[in-house]
Amino acid sequence: MHTDTVVELLAVIDTDDGSPRRADWAERDRALVLTSLLAGLRADELLRANVGDIRTTDEGGVIHVRGKGGKDRRIPVEQKLIEVLDSYLDSRAVRFPGGMKRRPTAGGLAAWAATAPLFVGSDGERITRGTLQYRVLRAFRKAGLDGQRARGALVHGLRHTYATELANADVSVYTLMKLLGHESTTTSQRYVSGAGTENRAAAAQNPLYELIERPTSNK
């Protein structure tokens, strides 16, 4: 997926801001797409993620991913993605205030219980696979880009873009294996064009971070 395609996807998602349709939720859909693009999560990993799986740090944050085959991994992310997630969770607090901590002292991630699902549907319950894939598909179709994705590739296509961008930034195959949660370097090898160093430094090289503008205030 080219950078221009990602820009168009995010732009069309943002047009849902203020939509009267409850199913349209720009902040949530933007957070879903960017979490897959900037952390490389699989669809199942997005579905299983809880708010408490994200720990903030001075440099941004770390996502604890409960991965395929029970193999956990920790993905470093930059502050820009944390801000996108905070903006989404603030919008969720307006829609579903009952799911927050009883007396939240702050907004964003801090306002929610650790066991609360990270992503929810329009009913406030943990998002389903069907809703997740449909929201990505809808963005492609609305942007007129459905023909630019591989057949059947929705969330997986976003994850593939994450891997490709890091490989183009000369991240080592071993580091890429750890970030993607692959069982061996064989699967990761096809993405890699050079060598890299530490996980955070590698993840921070993802040029897709440049596509995130500072989140706007909720309406």
N, C-alpha and C. Protein backbone atom coordinates (compact mmCIF):
# COMPACT_ATOMS: atom_id res chain seq x y z
N MET A 1 0.84 -1.18 0.00
CA MET A 1 0.00 0.00 0.00
C MET A 1 0.89 1.24 0.00
N HIS A 2 0.67 2.14 -0.94
CA HIS A 2 1.48 3.34 -1.04
C HIS A 2 1.07 4.37 0.02
N THR A 3 1.99 5.28 0.34
CA THR A 3 1.71 6.32 1.32
C THR A 3 0.52 7.16 0.91
N ASP A 4 0.39 7.46 -0.39
CA ASP A 4 -0.74 8.25 -0.86
C ASP A 4 -2.07 7.56 -0.56
N THR A 5 -2.07 6.23 -0.64
CA THR A 5 -3.28 5.47 -0.34
C THR A 5 -3.65 5.62 1.12
N VAL A 6 -2.66 5.55 2.00
CA VAL A 6 -2.91 5.72 3.43
C VAL A 6 -3.47 7.11 3.72
N VAL A 7 -2.91 8.12 3.08
CA VAL A 7 -3.39 9.49 3.26
C VAL A 7 -4.86 9.60 2.86
N GLU A 8 -5.21 8.99 1.74
CA GLU A 8 -6.59 9.04 1.27
C GLU A 8 -7.53 8.28 2.18
N LEU A 9 -7.08 7.14 2.72
CA LEU A 9 -7.91 6.38 3.67
C LEU A 9 -8.21 7.21 4.91
N LEU A 10 -7.19 7.84 5.47
CA LEU A 10 -7.37 8.65 6.67
C LEU A 10 -8.27 9.86 6.39
N ALA A 11 -8.10 10.45 5.21
CA ALA A 11 -8.91 11.61 4.86
C ALA A 11 -10.39 11.23 4.76
N VAL A 12 -10.67 10.08 4.18
CA VAL A 12 -12.08 9.69 4.01
C VAL A 12 -12.68 9.27 5.35
N ILE A 13 -11.87 8.70 6.24
CA ILE A 13 -12.36 8.39 7.58
C ILE A 13 -12.72 9.67 8.32
N ASP A 14 -11.90 10.70 8.16
CA ASP A 14 -12.14 11.96 8.85
C ASP A 14 -13.42 12.65 8.39
N THR A 15 -13.91 12.33 7.19
CA THR A 15 -15.16 12.93 6.73
C THR A 15 -16.36 12.43 7.52
N ASP A 16 -16.19 11.35 8.28
CA ASP A 16 -17.28 10.84 9.12
C ASP A 16 -17.42 11.62 10.42
N ASP A 17 -16.48 12.52 10.70
CA ASP A 17 -16.56 13.31 11.92
C ASP A 17 -17.85 14.12 11.94
N GLY A 18 -18.65 13.94 12.97
CA GLY A 18 -19.92 14.64 13.08
C GLY A 18 -21.06 13.98 12.36
N SER A 19 -20.85 12.77 11.80
CA SER A 19 -21.91 12.06 11.09
C SER A 19 -23.05 11.70 12.05
N PRO A 20 -24.30 11.86 11.61
CA PRO A 20 -25.44 11.49 12.47
C PRO A 20 -25.61 9.98 12.61
N ARG A 21 -24.95 9.20 11.75
CA ARG A 21 -25.06 7.74 11.83
C ARG A 21 -24.18 7.23 12.96
N ARG A 22 -24.79 6.50 13.90
CA ARG A 22 -24.05 6.03 15.06
C ARG A 22 -22.92 5.07 14.67
N ALA A 23 -23.11 4.35 13.57
CA ALA A 23 -22.08 3.40 13.13
C ALA A 23 -20.82 4.11 12.64
N ASP A 24 -20.97 5.37 12.22
CA ASP A 24 -19.82 6.13 11.75
C ASP A 24 -19.14 6.77 12.95
N TRP A 25 -17.87 6.44 13.12
CA TRP A 25 -17.14 6.89 14.31
C TRP A 25 -15.71 7.17 13.87
N ALA A 26 -15.46 8.40 13.46
CA ALA A 26 -14.18 8.75 12.84
C ALA A 26 -13.00 8.50 13.76
N GLU A 27 -13.11 8.90 15.03
CA GLU A 27 -11.99 8.76 15.96
C GLU A 27 -11.63 7.28 16.17
N ARG A 28 -12.64 6.44 16.28
CA ARG A 28 -12.38 5.01 16.47
C ARG A 28 -11.77 4.37 15.22
N ASP A 29 -12.33 4.69 14.05
CA ASP A 29 -11.83 4.09 12.82
C ASP A 29 -10.41 4.55 12.51
N ARG A 30 -10.13 5.81 12.79
CA ARG A 30 -8.77 6.34 12.59
C ARG A 30 -7.79 5.61 13.51
N ALA A 31 -8.19 5.41 14.77
CA ALA A 31 -7.32 4.71 15.73
C ALA A 31 -7.10 3.26 15.32
N LEU A 32 -8.13 2.61 14.80
CA LEU A 32 -8.00 1.23 14.35
C LEU A 32 -6.99 1.11 13.22
N VAL A 33 -7.17 1.95 12.20
CA VAL A 33 -6.29 1.89 11.03
C VAL A 33 -4.85 2.21 11.41
N LEU A 34 -4.66 3.25 12.22
CA LEU A 34 -3.31 3.67 12.57
C LEU A 34 -2.63 2.70 13.52
N THR A 35 -3.38 2.04 14.40
CA THR A 35 -2.77 1.05 15.28
C THR A 35 -2.25 -0.14 14.48
N SER A 36 -3.00 -0.53 13.46
CA SER A 36 -2.53 -1.62 12.61
C SER A 36 -1.35 -1.18 11.76
N LEU A 37 -1.41 0.04 11.24
CA LEU A 37 -0.34 0.54 10.39
C LEU A 37 0.96 0.82 11.15
N LEU A 38 0.84 1.27 12.40
CA LEU A 38 2.01 1.72 13.15
C LEU A 38 2.48 0.74 14.22
N ALA A 39 1.70 -0.32 14.44
CA ALA A 39 2.13 -1.34 15.39
C ALA A 39 2.09 -2.74 14.78
N GLY A 40 1.52 -2.87 13.59
CA GLY A 40 1.53 -4.14 12.89
C GLY A 40 0.66 -5.22 13.49
N LEU A 41 -0.41 -4.84 14.17
CA LEU A 41 -1.26 -5.84 14.81
C LEU A 41 -2.12 -6.59 13.80
N ARG A 42 -2.31 -7.88 14.06
CA ARG A 42 -3.24 -8.70 13.28
C ARG A 42 -4.66 -8.35 13.69
N ALA A 43 -5.65 -8.78 12.89
CA ALA A 43 -7.05 -8.53 13.22
C ALA A 43 -7.40 -9.11 14.59
N ASP A 44 -7.03 -10.35 14.85
CA ASP A 44 -7.34 -10.98 16.13
C ASP A 44 -6.70 -10.24 17.29
N GLU A 45 -5.53 -9.68 17.07
CA GLU A 45 -4.83 -8.95 18.13
C GLU A 45 -5.52 -7.63 18.44
N LEU A 46 -6.07 -6.98 17.42
CA LEU A 46 -6.86 -5.77 17.64
C LEU A 46 -8.13 -6.10 18.41
N LEU A 47 -8.75 -7.23 18.08
CA LEU A 47 -9.99 -7.63 18.75
C LEU A 47 -9.76 -7.94 20.22
N ARG A 48 -8.63 -8.56 20.54
CA ARG A 48 -8.34 -8.98 21.91
C ARG A 48 -7.76 -7.87 22.78
N ALA A 49 -7.28 -6.80 22.18
CA ALA A 49 -6.56 -5.78 22.92
C ALA A 49 -7.44 -5.10 23.98
N ASN A 50 -6.86 -4.89 25.15
CA ASN A 50 -7.51 -4.15 26.23
C ASN A 50 -6.78 -2.83 26.44
N VAL A 51 -7.47 -1.89 27.08
CA VAL A 51 -6.86 -0.59 27.36
C VAL A 51 -5.57 -0.76 28.15
N GLY A 52 -5.58 -1.69 29.12
CA GLY A 52 -4.41 -1.90 29.97
C GLY A 52 -3.22 -2.51 29.25
N ASP A 53 -3.41 -2.94 28.00
CA ASP A 53 -2.28 -3.49 27.24
C ASP A 53 -1.35 -2.38 26.74
N ILE A 54 -1.77 -1.14 26.89
CA ILE A 54 -0.94 -0.01 26.45
C ILE A 54 -0.35 0.68 27.67
N ARG A 55 0.95 0.74 27.73
CA ARG A 55 1.65 1.44 28.81
C ARG A 55 2.34 2.66 28.21
N THR A 56 2.09 3.82 28.81
CA THR A 56 2.73 5.03 28.31
C THR A 56 4.14 5.15 28.89
N THR A 57 5.03 5.74 28.12
CA THR A 57 6.41 5.96 28.53
C THR A 57 6.79 7.39 28.19
N ASP A 58 7.98 7.79 28.59
CA ASP A 58 8.45 9.14 28.26
C ASP A 58 8.60 9.32 26.75
N GLU A 59 8.80 8.22 26.04
CA GLU A 59 9.03 8.28 24.60
C GLU A 59 7.78 8.04 23.78
N GLY A 60 6.70 7.64 24.44
CA GLY A 60 5.47 7.30 23.73
C GLY A 60 4.72 6.23 24.48
N GLY A 61 4.90 4.98 24.06
CA GLY A 61 4.22 3.90 24.74
C GLY A 61 4.69 2.55 24.25
N VAL A 62 4.16 1.51 24.91
CA VAL A 62 4.43 0.13 24.53
C VAL A 62 3.11 -0.61 24.53
N ILE A 63 2.83 -1.34 23.45
CA ILE A 63 1.62 -2.16 23.38
C ILE A 63 1.99 -3.60 23.67
N HIS A 64 1.38 -4.17 24.70
CA HIS A 64 1.56 -5.58 25.01
C HIS A 64 0.57 -6.37 24.15
N VAL A 65 1.08 -7.10 23.19
CA VAL A 65 0.25 -7.81 22.22
C VAL A 65 0.15 -9.28 22.60
N ARG A 66 -1.08 -9.75 22.75
CA ARG A 66 -1.30 -11.18 22.98
C ARG A 66 -1.45 -11.83 21.62
N GLY A 67 -0.35 -12.40 21.17
CA GLY A 67 -0.25 -12.79 19.78
C GLY A 67 -0.69 -14.20 19.45
N LYS A 68 -0.47 -14.53 18.21
CA LYS A 68 -0.84 -15.82 17.64
C LYS A 68 -0.11 -16.95 18.36
N GLY A 69 -0.84 -18.03 18.67
CA GLY A 69 -0.23 -19.18 19.33
C GLY A 69 0.20 -18.91 20.75
N GLY A 70 -0.41 -17.90 21.40
CA GLY A 70 -0.07 -17.59 22.78
C GLY A 70 1.28 -16.92 22.94
N LYS A 71 1.85 -16.42 21.86
CA LYS A 71 3.16 -15.77 21.93
C LYS A 71 2.97 -14.26 22.07
N ASP A 72 3.31 -13.75 23.25
CA ASP A 72 3.17 -12.32 23.51
C ASP A 72 4.39 -11.57 22.97
N ARG A 73 4.16 -10.31 22.66
CA ARG A 73 5.27 -9.44 22.27
C ARG A 73 4.94 -8.02 22.70
N ARG A 74 5.94 -7.18 22.74
CA ARG A 74 5.75 -5.78 23.14
C ARG A 74 6.23 -4.87 22.01
N ILE A 75 5.32 -4.02 21.55
CA ILE A 75 5.60 -3.16 20.41
C ILE A 75 5.73 -1.71 20.87
N PRO A 76 6.90 -1.11 20.70
CA PRO A 76 7.05 0.31 21.04
C PRO A 76 6.34 1.19 20.01
N VAL A 77 5.65 2.20 20.48
CA VAL A 77 4.97 3.14 19.58
C VAL A 77 5.32 4.56 20.00
N GLU A 78 5.15 5.47 19.07
CA GLU A 78 5.49 6.86 19.32
C GLU A 78 4.32 7.63 19.93
N GLN A 79 4.64 8.81 20.50
CA GLN A 79 3.64 9.62 21.18
C GLN A 79 2.48 10.00 20.26
N LYS A 80 2.73 10.15 18.98
CA LYS A 80 1.66 10.52 18.04
C LYS A 80 0.53 9.49 18.04
N LEU A 81 0.89 8.20 18.10
CA LEU A 81 -0.16 7.18 18.13
C LEU A 81 -0.89 7.18 19.46
N ILE A 82 -0.17 7.41 20.56
CA ILE A 82 -0.83 7.51 21.87
C ILE A 82 -1.86 8.64 21.86
N GLU A 83 -1.53 9.75 21.22
CA GLU A 83 -2.46 10.87 21.13
C GLU A 83 -3.70 10.51 20.32
N VAL A 84 -3.52 9.74 19.25
CA VAL A 84 -4.66 9.29 18.46
C VAL A 84 -5.57 8.40 19.31
N LEU A 85 -4.97 7.49 20.07
CA LEU A 85 -5.75 6.59 20.93
C LEU A 85 -6.45 7.37 22.05
N ASP A 86 -5.76 8.35 22.63
CA ASP A 86 -6.37 9.18 23.66
C ASP A 86 -7.58 9.93 23.10
N SER A 87 -7.45 10.47 21.90
CA SER A 87 -8.55 11.20 21.27
C SER A 87 -9.75 10.29 21.04
N TYR A 88 -9.48 9.07 20.56
CA TYR A 88 -10.56 8.10 20.37
C TYR A 88 -11.24 7.77 21.69
N LEU A 89 -10.45 7.52 22.74
CA LEU A 89 -11.04 7.13 24.03
C LEU A 89 -11.81 8.28 24.65
N ASP A 90 -11.39 9.52 24.41
CA ASP A 90 -12.17 10.67 24.89
C ASP A 90 -13.51 10.73 24.18
N SER A 91 -13.53 10.44 22.87
CA SER A 91 -14.80 10.43 22.14
C SER A 91 -15.68 9.27 22.62
N ARG A 92 -15.07 8.18 22.98
CA ARG A 92 -15.82 7.03 23.52
C ARG A 92 -16.43 7.37 24.87
N ALA A 93 -15.75 8.18 25.66
CA ALA A 93 -16.28 8.57 26.97
C ALA A 93 -17.58 9.36 26.82
N VAL A 94 -17.69 10.11 25.72
CA VAL A 94 -18.92 10.86 25.45
C VAL A 94 -20.04 9.91 25.05
N ARG A 95 -19.72 8.91 24.26
CA ARG A 95 -20.72 7.94 23.79
C ARG A 95 -21.13 6.96 24.88
N PHE A 96 -20.15 6.48 25.63
CA PHE A 96 -20.40 5.41 26.61
C PHE A 96 -19.73 5.73 27.95
N PRO A 97 -20.23 6.74 28.65
CA PRO A 97 -19.59 7.13 29.91
C PRO A 97 -19.65 6.04 30.98
N GLY A 98 -20.60 5.13 30.86
CA GLY A 98 -20.73 4.08 31.87
C GLY A 98 -19.57 3.11 31.91
N GLY A 99 -18.78 3.06 30.86
CA GLY A 99 -17.68 2.11 30.83
C GLY A 99 -16.40 2.63 31.44
N MET A 100 -16.41 3.90 31.88
CA MET A 100 -15.20 4.50 32.42
C MET A 100 -15.00 4.12 33.90
N LYS A 101 -13.82 4.47 34.41
CA LYS A 101 -13.58 4.33 35.84
C LYS A 101 -14.61 5.18 36.59
N ARG A 102 -14.89 4.81 37.83
CA ARG A 102 -15.93 5.53 38.57
C ARG A 102 -15.60 7.01 38.75
N ARG A 103 -14.37 7.30 39.11
CA ARG A 103 -13.95 8.69 39.28
C ARG A 103 -12.65 8.94 38.52
N PRO A 104 -12.73 9.03 37.21
CA PRO A 104 -11.49 9.23 36.43
C PRO A 104 -10.85 10.56 36.77
N THR A 105 -9.54 10.55 36.94
CA THR A 105 -8.80 11.78 37.27
C THR A 105 -8.14 12.37 36.03
N ALA A 106 -8.22 11.67 34.92
CA ALA A 106 -7.62 12.15 33.67
C ALA A 106 -8.39 11.56 32.51
N GLY A 107 -8.11 12.06 31.31
CA GLY A 107 -8.78 11.56 30.12
C GLY A 107 -7.95 10.51 29.41
N GLY A 108 -8.37 10.19 28.17
CA GLY A 108 -7.62 9.23 27.37
C GLY A 108 -7.53 7.86 28.00
N LEU A 109 -6.38 7.22 27.86
CA LEU A 109 -6.17 5.87 28.38
C LEU A 109 -6.42 5.78 29.88
N ALA A 110 -6.04 6.84 30.62
CA ALA A 110 -6.11 6.80 32.08
C ALA A 110 -7.54 6.77 32.61
N ALA A 111 -8.52 7.10 31.77
CA ALA A 111 -9.91 7.17 32.23
C ALA A 111 -10.62 5.82 32.24
N TRP A 112 -9.95 4.79 31.71
CA TRP A 112 -10.61 3.51 31.51
C TRP A 112 -9.94 2.40 32.33
N ALA A 113 -10.74 1.42 32.74
CA ALA A 113 -10.20 0.27 33.47
C ALA A 113 -9.26 -0.51 32.56
N ALA A 114 -8.25 -1.13 33.16
CA ALA A 114 -7.26 -1.87 32.39
C ALA A 114 -7.88 -3.01 31.60
N THR A 115 -8.99 -3.58 32.12
CA THR A 115 -9.62 -4.73 31.46
C THR A 115 -10.65 -4.32 30.41
N ALA A 116 -10.88 -3.01 30.25
CA ALA A 116 -11.85 -2.55 29.23
C ALA A 116 -11.30 -2.85 27.85
N PRO A 117 -12.15 -3.31 26.92
CA PRO A 117 -11.66 -3.54 25.55
C PRO A 117 -11.15 -2.25 24.94
N LEU A 118 -10.05 -2.34 24.20
CA LEU A 118 -9.49 -1.14 23.59
C LEU A 118 -10.41 -0.61 22.49
N PHE A 119 -10.92 -1.51 21.67
CA PHE A 119 -11.78 -1.09 20.57
C PHE A 119 -13.18 -1.67 20.75
N VAL A 120 -14.18 -0.82 20.59
CA VAL A 120 -15.57 -1.25 20.75
C VAL A 120 -16.38 -0.88 19.52
N GLY A 121 -17.53 -1.53 19.38
CA GLY A 121 -18.44 -1.23 18.29
C GLY A 121 -19.41 -0.13 18.67
N SER A 122 -20.39 0.10 17.82
CA SER A 122 -21.35 1.18 18.06
C SER A 122 -22.30 0.87 19.21
N ASP A 123 -22.22 -0.38 19.75
CA ASP A 123 -23.02 -0.74 20.91
C ASP A 123 -22.23 -0.63 22.21
N GLY A 124 -20.97 -0.25 22.13
CA GLY A 124 -20.14 -0.11 23.31
C GLY A 124 -19.48 -1.40 23.77
N GLU A 125 -19.76 -2.50 23.10
CA GLU A 125 -19.15 -3.78 23.44
C GLU A 125 -17.91 -4.01 22.59
N ARG A 126 -17.08 -4.97 23.01
CA ARG A 126 -15.86 -5.27 22.27
C ARG A 126 -16.17 -5.43 20.78
N ILE A 127 -15.37 -4.81 19.95
CA ILE A 127 -15.63 -4.83 18.51
C ILE A 127 -15.55 -6.26 17.97
N THR A 128 -16.40 -6.57 17.02
CA THR A 128 -16.41 -7.89 16.40
C THR A 128 -15.52 -7.90 15.17
N ARG A 129 -15.14 -9.10 14.74
CA ARG A 129 -14.33 -9.23 13.53
C ARG A 129 -15.06 -8.63 12.33
N GLY A 130 -16.36 -8.89 12.23
CA GLY A 130 -17.12 -8.38 11.10
C GLY A 130 -17.12 -6.87 11.04
N THR A 131 -17.32 -6.22 12.19
CA THR A 131 -17.31 -4.76 12.23
C THR A 131 -15.94 -4.21 11.90
N LEU A 132 -14.90 -4.82 12.47
CA LEU A 132 -13.53 -4.37 12.20
C LEU A 132 -13.21 -4.41 10.71
N GLN A 133 -13.46 -5.55 10.08
CA GLN A 133 -13.13 -5.68 8.66
C GLN A 133 -14.01 -4.78 7.80
N TYR A 134 -15.28 -4.64 8.20
CA TYR A 134 -16.18 -3.81 7.41
C TYR A 134 -15.75 -2.34 7.44
N ARG A 135 -15.31 -1.85 8.60
CA ARG A 135 -14.92 -0.45 8.69
C ARG A 135 -13.71 -0.15 7.80
N VAL A 136 -12.78 -1.10 7.73
CA VAL A 136 -11.62 -0.92 6.84
C VAL A 136 -12.07 -1.00 5.38
N LEU A 137 -12.91 -1.99 5.06
CA LEU A 137 -13.42 -2.13 3.70
C LEU A 137 -14.19 -0.89 3.28
N ARG A 138 -15.01 -0.35 4.16
CA ARG A 138 -15.81 0.83 3.85
C ARG A 138 -14.90 2.02 3.52
N ALA A 139 -13.81 2.16 4.26
CA ALA A 139 -12.88 3.26 4.00
C ALA A 139 -12.26 3.12 2.61
N PHE A 140 -11.86 1.90 2.24
CA PHE A 140 -11.29 1.68 0.91
C PHE A 140 -12.32 2.02 -0.17
N ARG A 141 -13.55 1.56 0.01
CA ARG A 141 -14.57 1.79 -1.00
C ARG A 141 -14.96 3.26 -1.09
N LYS A 142 -15.09 3.92 0.05
CA LYS A 142 -15.49 5.32 0.07
C LYS A 142 -14.42 6.20 -0.57
N ALA A 143 -13.17 5.78 -0.43
CA ALA A 143 -12.07 6.54 -1.03
C ALA A 143 -11.84 6.18 -2.49
N GLY A 144 -12.60 5.20 -3.00
CA GLY A 144 -12.42 4.76 -4.38
C GLY A 144 -11.13 4.00 -4.59
N LEU A 145 -10.68 3.29 -3.53
CA LEU A 145 -9.38 2.61 -3.58
C LEU A 145 -9.50 1.10 -3.45
N ASP A 146 -10.72 0.58 -3.57
CA ASP A 146 -10.92 -0.85 -3.34
C ASP A 146 -10.09 -1.71 -4.30
N GLY A 147 -9.87 -1.21 -5.50
CA GLY A 147 -9.10 -1.97 -6.48
C GLY A 147 -7.60 -1.96 -6.22
N GLN A 148 -7.15 -1.16 -5.26
CA GLN A 148 -5.72 -1.06 -4.99
C GLN A 148 -5.24 -1.99 -3.89
N ARG A 149 -6.16 -2.74 -3.29
CA ARG A 149 -5.75 -3.68 -2.26
C ARG A 149 -5.81 -5.09 -2.80
N ALA A 150 -4.99 -5.96 -2.25
CA ALA A 150 -5.02 -7.37 -2.65
C ALA A 150 -6.36 -7.97 -2.26
N ARG A 151 -6.85 -8.88 -3.04
CA ARG A 151 -8.14 -9.52 -2.79
C ARG A 151 -8.16 -10.14 -1.39
N GLY A 152 -9.13 -9.77 -0.58
CA GLY A 152 -9.27 -10.31 0.77
C GLY A 152 -8.40 -9.63 1.81
N ALA A 153 -7.51 -8.73 1.38
CA ALA A 153 -6.59 -8.09 2.32
C ALA A 153 -7.20 -6.82 2.87
N LEU A 154 -7.56 -6.83 4.16
CA LEU A 154 -8.09 -5.64 4.81
C LEU A 154 -7.13 -5.25 5.94
N VAL A 155 -7.37 -5.73 7.16
CA VAL A 155 -6.44 -5.44 8.25
C VAL A 155 -5.06 -6.03 7.93
N HIS A 156 -5.04 -7.20 7.30
CA HIS A 156 -3.75 -7.80 6.95
C HIS A 156 -2.97 -6.91 5.99
N GLY A 157 -3.68 -6.22 5.12
CA GLY A 157 -3.01 -5.31 4.20
C GLY A 157 -2.34 -4.15 4.94
N LEU A 158 -2.97 -3.67 6.02
CA LEU A 158 -2.37 -2.61 6.82
C LEU A 158 -1.12 -3.13 7.54
N ARG A 159 -1.21 -4.34 8.06
CA ARG A 159 -0.05 -4.96 8.73
C ARG A 159 1.09 -5.17 7.73
N HIS A 160 0.74 -5.57 6.53
CA HIS A 160 1.75 -5.77 5.48
C HIS A 160 2.46 -4.44 5.17
N THR A 161 1.71 -3.35 5.17
CA THR A 161 2.30 -2.04 4.92
C THR A 161 3.27 -1.67 6.04
N TYR A 162 2.89 -1.96 7.29
CA TYR A 162 3.78 -1.72 8.43
C TYR A 162 5.11 -2.44 8.22
N ALA A 163 5.04 -3.71 7.87
CA ALA A 163 6.25 -4.51 7.67
C ALA A 163 7.08 -3.98 6.51
N THR A 164 6.42 -3.62 5.44
CA THR A 164 7.14 -3.15 4.25
C THR A 164 7.85 -1.83 4.51
N GLU A 165 7.18 -0.92 5.21
CA GLU A 165 7.79 0.38 5.49
C GLU A 165 9.02 0.22 6.38
N LEU A 166 8.96 -0.67 7.37
CA LEU A 166 10.12 -0.88 8.23
C LEU A 166 11.26 -1.56 7.46
N ALA A 167 10.90 -2.49 6.60
CA ALA A 167 11.93 -3.14 5.78
C ALA A 167 12.62 -2.13 4.89
N ASN A 168 11.85 -1.20 4.33
CA ASN A 168 12.43 -0.16 3.49
C ASN A 168 13.32 0.79 4.28
N ALA A 169 13.10 0.82 5.61
CA ALA A 169 13.94 1.66 6.48
C ALA A 169 15.17 0.88 6.96
N ASP A 170 15.43 -0.28 6.35
CA ASP A 170 16.61 -1.09 6.64
C ASP A 170 16.63 -1.69 8.04
N VAL A 171 15.46 -2.09 8.53
CA VAL A 171 15.38 -2.80 9.80
C VAL A 171 15.84 -4.24 9.59
N SER A 172 16.55 -4.78 10.55
CA SER A 172 17.08 -6.14 10.41
C SER A 172 15.95 -7.17 10.42
N VAL A 173 16.19 -8.30 9.82
CA VAL A 173 15.18 -9.35 9.76
C VAL A 173 14.84 -9.86 11.16
N TYR A 174 15.83 -9.91 12.04
CA TYR A 174 15.57 -10.38 13.42
C TYR A 174 14.65 -9.41 14.16
N THR A 175 14.92 -8.12 14.04
CA THR A 175 14.08 -7.12 14.68
C THR A 175 12.67 -7.15 14.11
N LEU A 176 12.56 -7.27 12.80
CA LEU A 176 11.26 -7.33 12.17
C LEU A 176 10.48 -8.56 12.63
N MET A 177 11.17 -9.69 12.78
CA MET A 177 10.53 -10.90 13.29
C MET A 177 9.93 -10.66 14.67
N LYS A 178 10.67 -9.97 15.54
CA LYS A 178 10.19 -9.69 16.89
C LYS A 178 9.00 -8.74 16.88
N LEU A 179 9.05 -7.72 16.03
CA LEU A 179 7.97 -6.74 15.98
C LEU A 179 6.69 -7.33 15.39
N LEU A 180 6.82 -8.24 14.44
CA LEU A 180 5.65 -8.83 13.78
C LEU A 180 5.12 -10.06 14.50
N GLY A 181 5.92 -10.64 15.39
CA GLY A 181 5.48 -11.84 16.08
C GLY A 181 5.58 -13.09 15.24
N HIS A 182 6.49 -13.10 14.27
CA HIS A 182 6.70 -14.29 13.46
C HIS A 182 7.48 -15.33 14.27
N GLU A 183 7.26 -16.60 13.97
CA GLU A 183 7.94 -17.67 14.69
C GLU A 183 9.38 -17.86 14.23
N SER A 184 9.67 -17.45 13.01
CA SER A 184 11.03 -17.59 12.50
C SER A 184 11.34 -16.43 11.58
N THR A 185 12.62 -16.26 11.29
CA THR A 185 13.03 -15.18 10.40
C THR A 185 12.65 -15.45 8.95
N THR A 186 12.30 -16.68 8.64
CA THR A 186 11.96 -17.03 7.26
C THR A 186 10.78 -16.21 6.76
N THR A 187 9.75 -16.09 7.59
CA THR A 187 8.56 -15.33 7.20
C THR A 187 8.87 -13.85 7.06
N SER A 188 9.73 -13.34 7.94
CA SER A 188 10.07 -11.92 7.93
C SER A 188 11.03 -11.55 6.81
N GLN A 189 11.79 -12.53 6.33
CA GLN A 189 12.88 -12.26 5.40
C GLN A 189 12.43 -11.54 4.13
N ARG A 190 11.22 -11.86 3.67
CA ARG A 190 10.79 -11.29 2.39
C ARG A 190 10.60 -9.78 2.46
N TYR A 191 10.45 -9.23 3.68
CA TYR A 191 10.25 -7.80 3.80
C TYR A 191 11.57 -7.02 3.88
N VAL A 192 12.63 -7.71 4.20
CA VAL A 192 13.83 -7.01 4.65
C VAL A 192 14.81 -6.71 3.54
N SER A 193 15.35 -5.49 3.55
CA SER A 193 16.34 -5.11 2.54
C SER A 193 17.68 -4.72 3.16
N GLY A 194 17.79 -4.72 4.47
CA GLY A 194 19.04 -4.34 5.12
C GLY A 194 19.03 -4.64 6.59
N ALA A 195 19.90 -4.02 7.36
CA ALA A 195 20.05 -4.29 8.78
C ALA A 195 19.52 -3.13 9.61
N GLY A 196 19.22 -3.42 10.89
CA GLY A 196 18.72 -2.41 11.80
C GLY A 196 19.26 -2.63 13.20
N THR A 197 18.73 -1.88 14.19
CA THR A 197 19.26 -1.99 15.54
C THR A 197 18.17 -2.27 16.55
N GLU A 198 17.94 -1.36 17.49
CA GLU A 198 17.00 -1.61 18.58
C GLU A 198 15.55 -1.51 18.12
N ASN A 199 14.65 -2.18 18.89
CA ASN A 199 13.24 -2.20 18.52
C ASN A 199 12.62 -0.81 18.47
N ARG A 200 12.83 0.01 19.52
CA ARG A 200 12.18 1.32 19.52
C ARG A 200 12.72 2.19 18.40
N ALA A 201 14.01 2.19 18.23
CA ALA A 201 14.60 2.99 17.16
C ALA A 201 14.08 2.53 15.81
N ALA A 202 13.91 1.21 15.66
CA ALA A 202 13.40 0.67 14.40
C ALA A 202 11.96 1.08 14.17
N ALA A 203 11.11 0.89 15.19
CA ALA A 203 9.70 1.22 15.04
C ALA A 203 9.49 2.70 14.79
N ALA A 204 10.33 3.53 15.39
CA ALA A 204 10.20 4.98 15.23
C ALA A 204 10.55 5.43 13.82
N GLN A 205 11.25 4.58 13.06
CA GLN A 205 11.62 4.95 11.69
C GLN A 205 10.44 4.88 10.72
N ASN A 206 9.33 4.30 11.17
CA ASN A 206 8.19 4.13 10.27
C ASN A 206 7.73 5.50 9.76
N PRO A 207 7.87 5.78 8.47
CA PRO A 207 7.52 7.10 7.92
C PRO A 207 6.03 7.40 7.99
N LEU A 208 5.20 6.39 8.27
CA LEU A 208 3.76 6.62 8.35
C LEU A 208 3.40 7.51 9.54
N TYR A 209 4.30 7.64 10.52
CA TYR A 209 4.03 8.55 11.62
C TYR A 209 3.87 9.99 11.13
N GLU A 210 4.51 10.30 10.02
CA GLU A 210 4.42 11.66 9.49
C GLU A 210 3.02 11.99 9.00
N LEU A 211 2.16 10.98 8.85
CA LEU A 211 0.81 11.20 8.34
C LEU A 211 -0.16 11.62 9.43
N ILE A 212 0.26 11.48 10.68
CA ILE A 212 -0.64 11.81 11.79
C ILE A 212 -0.52 13.28 12.11
N GLU A 213 -1.63 13.96 12.02
CA GLU A 213 -1.69 15.34 12.50
C GLU A 213 -2.15 15.31 13.94
N ARG A 214 -1.87 16.37 14.66
CA ARG A 214 -2.29 16.42 16.06
C ARG A 214 -3.81 16.27 16.12
N PRO A 215 -4.33 15.35 16.98
CA PRO A 215 -5.78 15.13 17.03
C PRO A 215 -6.53 16.41 17.34
N THR A 216 -7.66 16.58 16.67
CA THR A 216 -8.50 17.75 16.93
C THR A 216 -9.36 17.48 18.15
N SER A 217 -9.87 18.52 18.77
CA SER A 217 -10.71 18.36 19.95
C SER A 217 -12.01 17.73 19.56
N ASN A 218 -12.65 17.01 20.50
CA ASN A 218 -13.93 16.34 20.21
C ASN A 218 -15.04 17.36 20.09
N LYS A 219 -15.99 17.04 19.22
CA LYS A 219 -17.11 17.96 19.01
C LYS A 219 -18.25 17.54 19.92
